[in-house]
Structure formats: C-alpha cells, structure tokens
C-alpha cells in the first residue's frame, strides 16, 4: 500500500513539473504569453486536480463500495 501512495506522489510531481514546463509554450500561440506565470500555476492546479480525480477513481475501483453491496430491502 505504501508503494501505491509513493507512486502517486511521484506521478503528481512529474505531471505538475511538466505542466509548469510546457504551459508557456501552450499560452504563446493563444496570445496569452503575458500571463505565463499565472498560466503555469493554473495548468499545474488543473493537472493536479485531474490526477486527484483519477487517483480517487483508481482507489475506489479496488474497494468494495455501496454499488457492489446495496443495502437489503426491508
């Protein structure tokens, strides 16, 4: 279990780093080069938010949730 959380942290750092690295290249063609610093922050937050949703989805797929065990009828 500790390896999974460690891998998620490493993936999050790498993804945020790549988002910060490549966001100015994405903003310049859109005419938003003046907002490169703010864009870097926004892209990093966006990537980390998407990764959080993916990690939650992956962790709940392996757990037994209410959809698999509905409550009994009375």
N, C-alpha and C. Protein backbone atom coordinates (compact mmCIF):
# COMPACT_ATOMS: atom_id res chain seq x y z
N UNK A 1 0.82 -1.19 0.00
CA UNK A 1 0.00 0.00 0.00
C UNK A 1 0.87 1.25 0.00
N UNK A 2 1.99 1.23 0.67
CA UNK A 2 2.83 2.42 0.72
C UNK A 2 3.45 2.69 -0.66
N UNK A 3 3.66 1.65 -1.45
CA UNK A 3 4.23 1.86 -2.78
C UNK A 3 3.25 2.59 -3.69
N UNK A 4 1.96 2.30 -3.53
CA UNK A 4 0.96 2.98 -4.36
C UNK A 4 0.93 4.47 -4.06
N UNK A 5 0.93 4.84 -2.80
CA UNK A 5 0.89 6.26 -2.45
C UNK A 5 2.18 6.96 -2.84
N UNK A 6 3.31 6.27 -2.72
CA UNK A 6 4.58 6.85 -3.15
C UNK A 6 4.58 7.07 -4.66
N UNK A 7 4.07 6.12 -5.40
CA UNK A 7 4.00 6.26 -6.86
C UNK A 7 3.06 7.40 -7.25
N UNK A 8 1.96 7.56 -6.53
CA UNK A 8 1.04 8.66 -6.82
C UNK A 8 1.70 10.01 -6.57
N UNK A 9 2.48 10.13 -5.51
CA UNK A 9 3.18 11.38 -5.23
C UNK A 9 4.20 11.68 -6.32
N UNK A 10 4.95 10.67 -6.73
CA UNK A 10 5.95 10.87 -7.79
C UNK A 10 5.28 11.27 -9.10
N UNK A 11 4.19 10.60 -9.45
CA UNK A 11 3.46 10.94 -10.68
C UNK A 11 2.92 12.35 -10.61
N UNK A 12 2.43 12.76 -9.44
CA UNK A 12 1.89 14.12 -9.28
C UNK A 12 2.99 15.17 -9.45
N UNK A 13 4.16 14.93 -8.87
CA UNK A 13 5.26 15.88 -9.01
C UNK A 13 5.74 15.97 -10.46
N UNK A 14 5.85 14.84 -11.12
CA UNK A 14 6.29 14.84 -12.52
C UNK A 14 5.26 15.54 -13.40
N UNK A 15 3.99 15.24 -13.20
CA UNK A 15 2.94 15.86 -14.01
C UNK A 15 2.88 17.37 -13.78
N UNK A 16 2.99 17.80 -12.52
CA UNK A 16 2.98 19.24 -12.24
C UNK A 16 4.21 19.92 -12.84
N UNK A 17 5.34 19.27 -12.76
CA UNK A 17 6.56 19.82 -13.36
C UNK A 17 6.44 19.96 -14.87
N UNK A 18 5.88 18.95 -15.52
CA UNK A 18 5.68 19.03 -16.97
C UNK A 18 4.67 20.11 -17.34
N UNK A 19 3.64 20.26 -16.52
CA UNK A 19 2.65 21.31 -16.79
C UNK A 19 3.28 22.69 -16.66
N UNK A 20 4.11 22.87 -15.66
CA UNK A 20 4.79 24.16 -15.49
C UNK A 20 5.78 24.39 -16.61
N UNK A 21 6.47 23.35 -17.04
CA UNK A 21 7.49 23.48 -18.08
C UNK A 21 6.88 23.83 -19.44
N UNK A 22 5.77 23.18 -19.79
CA UNK A 22 5.22 23.35 -21.13
C UNK A 22 4.09 24.37 -21.25
N UNK A 23 3.61 24.90 -20.15
CA UNK A 23 2.49 25.84 -20.23
C UNK A 23 2.82 27.12 -20.98
N UNK A 24 4.01 27.71 -20.86
CA UNK A 24 4.29 28.90 -21.68
C UNK A 24 4.23 28.61 -23.18
N UNK A 25 4.66 27.42 -23.58
CA UNK A 25 4.60 27.05 -24.99
C UNK A 25 3.16 26.92 -25.48
N UNK A 26 2.26 26.57 -24.58
CA UNK A 26 0.85 26.47 -24.95
C UNK A 26 0.15 27.83 -24.95
N UNK A 27 0.61 28.74 -24.10
CA UNK A 27 -0.06 30.03 -23.98
C UNK A 27 0.34 31.02 -25.07
N UNK A 28 1.57 30.95 -25.56
CA UNK A 28 2.05 31.91 -26.56
C UNK A 28 1.24 31.83 -27.85
N UNK A 29 0.98 30.66 -28.43
CA UNK A 29 0.17 30.62 -29.65
C UNK A 29 -1.26 31.14 -29.45
N UNK A 30 -1.75 31.09 -28.23
CA UNK A 30 -3.09 31.58 -27.94
C UNK A 30 -3.11 33.09 -27.70
N UNK A 31 -1.94 33.71 -27.72
CA UNK A 31 -1.85 35.14 -27.48
C UNK A 31 -1.87 35.50 -26.01
N UNK A 32 -1.61 34.54 -25.16
CA UNK A 32 -1.64 34.76 -23.71
C UNK A 32 -0.26 34.66 -23.09
N UNK A 33 0.77 34.97 -23.86
CA UNK A 33 2.15 34.87 -23.37
C UNK A 33 2.44 35.79 -22.19
N UNK A 34 1.68 36.88 -22.07
CA UNK A 34 1.89 37.81 -20.97
C UNK A 34 1.50 37.18 -19.63
N UNK A 35 0.67 36.16 -19.69
CA UNK A 35 0.19 35.52 -18.47
C UNK A 35 0.89 34.19 -18.21
N UNK A 36 2.16 34.11 -18.60
CA UNK A 36 2.88 32.84 -18.50
C UNK A 36 3.00 32.36 -17.05
N UNK A 37 3.32 33.26 -16.14
CA UNK A 37 3.47 32.84 -14.73
C UNK A 37 2.13 32.37 -14.15
N UNK A 38 1.10 33.13 -14.38
CA UNK A 38 -0.22 32.74 -13.90
C UNK A 38 -0.70 31.48 -14.60
N UNK A 39 -0.39 31.36 -15.88
CA UNK A 39 -0.77 30.17 -16.64
C UNK A 39 -0.08 28.93 -16.13
N UNK A 40 1.18 29.07 -15.72
CA UNK A 40 1.90 27.93 -15.16
C UNK A 40 1.21 27.44 -13.90
N UNK A 41 0.82 28.37 -13.06
CA UNK A 41 0.14 28.00 -11.83
C UNK A 41 -1.21 27.34 -12.13
N UNK A 42 -1.95 27.92 -13.05
CA UNK A 42 -3.28 27.37 -13.39
C UNK A 42 -3.17 25.99 -14.02
N UNK A 43 -2.21 25.80 -14.92
CA UNK A 43 -2.05 24.48 -15.54
C UNK A 43 -1.62 23.44 -14.51
N UNK A 44 -0.75 23.81 -13.58
CA UNK A 44 -0.33 22.86 -12.55
C UNK A 44 -1.52 22.46 -11.68
N UNK A 45 -2.35 23.44 -11.30
CA UNK A 45 -3.53 23.14 -10.48
C UNK A 45 -4.51 22.27 -11.26
N UNK A 46 -4.69 22.56 -12.54
CA UNK A 46 -5.59 21.77 -13.37
C UNK A 46 -5.11 20.32 -13.48
N UNK A 47 -3.83 20.14 -13.74
CA UNK A 47 -3.27 18.78 -13.87
C UNK A 47 -3.39 18.02 -12.55
N UNK A 48 -3.08 18.69 -11.44
CA UNK A 48 -3.18 18.01 -10.15
C UNK A 48 -4.62 17.69 -9.78
N UNK A 49 -5.56 18.53 -10.17
CA UNK A 49 -6.97 18.24 -9.92
C UNK A 49 -7.45 17.03 -10.71
N UNK A 50 -7.04 16.96 -11.96
CA UNK A 50 -7.41 15.80 -12.79
C UNK A 50 -6.76 14.54 -12.23
N UNK A 51 -5.50 14.62 -11.83
CA UNK A 51 -4.83 13.46 -11.26
C UNK A 51 -5.50 13.01 -9.96
N UNK A 52 -5.95 13.95 -9.15
CA UNK A 52 -6.64 13.60 -7.92
C UNK A 52 -7.90 12.80 -8.23
N UNK A 53 -8.65 13.24 -9.21
CA UNK A 53 -9.86 12.51 -9.60
C UNK A 53 -9.52 11.11 -10.12
N UNK A 54 -8.44 11.01 -10.88
CA UNK A 54 -8.02 9.70 -11.40
C UNK A 54 -7.58 8.79 -10.26
N UNK A 55 -6.81 9.34 -9.31
CA UNK A 55 -6.34 8.52 -8.19
C UNK A 55 -7.50 8.06 -7.31
N UNK A 56 -8.48 8.92 -7.10
CA UNK A 56 -9.65 8.52 -6.31
C UNK A 56 -10.42 7.43 -7.04
N UNK A 57 -10.58 7.58 -8.35
CA UNK A 57 -11.28 6.56 -9.13
C UNK A 57 -10.54 5.23 -9.08
N UNK A 58 -9.22 5.27 -9.20
CA UNK A 58 -8.44 4.03 -9.15
C UNK A 58 -8.50 3.38 -7.77
N UNK A 59 -8.50 4.18 -6.72
CA UNK A 59 -8.51 3.59 -5.38
C UNK A 59 -9.88 3.03 -5.03
N UNK A 60 -10.97 3.62 -5.56
CA UNK A 60 -12.29 3.09 -5.26
C UNK A 60 -12.66 1.91 -6.14
N UNK A 61 -11.97 1.72 -7.25
CA UNK A 61 -12.25 0.56 -8.09
C UNK A 61 -11.86 -0.74 -7.40
N UNK A 62 -10.87 -0.67 -6.52
CA UNK A 62 -10.40 -1.88 -5.86
C UNK A 62 -11.11 -2.13 -4.54
N UNK A 63 -11.84 -1.14 -4.06
CA UNK A 63 -12.56 -1.30 -2.80
C UNK A 63 -13.99 -1.76 -3.07
N UNK A 64 -14.57 -2.36 -2.08
CA UNK A 64 -15.97 -2.77 -2.20
C UNK A 64 -16.82 -1.57 -1.78
N UNK A 65 -17.56 -1.07 -2.71
CA UNK A 65 -18.35 0.12 -2.44
C UNK A 65 -19.82 -0.19 -2.35
N UNK A 66 -20.63 0.83 -2.13
CA UNK A 66 -22.07 0.63 -1.98
C UNK A 66 -22.73 0.14 -3.26
N UNK A 67 -22.15 0.39 -4.43
CA UNK A 67 -22.76 -0.07 -5.67
C UNK A 67 -22.68 -1.59 -5.79
N UNK A 68 -21.63 -2.18 -5.24
CA UNK A 68 -21.48 -3.62 -5.32
C UNK A 68 -22.27 -4.34 -4.23
N UNK A 69 -22.49 -3.67 -3.11
CA UNK A 69 -23.22 -4.26 -1.99
C UNK A 69 -24.35 -3.33 -1.59
N UNK A 70 -25.46 -3.36 -2.35
CA UNK A 70 -26.57 -2.48 -1.97
C UNK A 70 -27.19 -2.93 -0.66
N UNK A 71 -27.84 -2.01 0.05
CA UNK A 71 -28.49 -2.41 1.30
C UNK A 71 -29.66 -3.34 1.02
N UNK A 72 -29.95 -4.24 1.94
CA UNK A 72 -31.06 -5.18 1.72
C UNK A 72 -32.40 -4.48 1.77
N UNK A 73 -33.36 -5.04 1.02
CA UNK A 73 -34.71 -4.49 1.03
C UNK A 73 -35.41 -4.88 2.33
N UNK A 74 -36.25 -4.01 2.81
CA UNK A 74 -36.95 -4.29 4.08
C UNK A 74 -38.29 -4.87 3.84
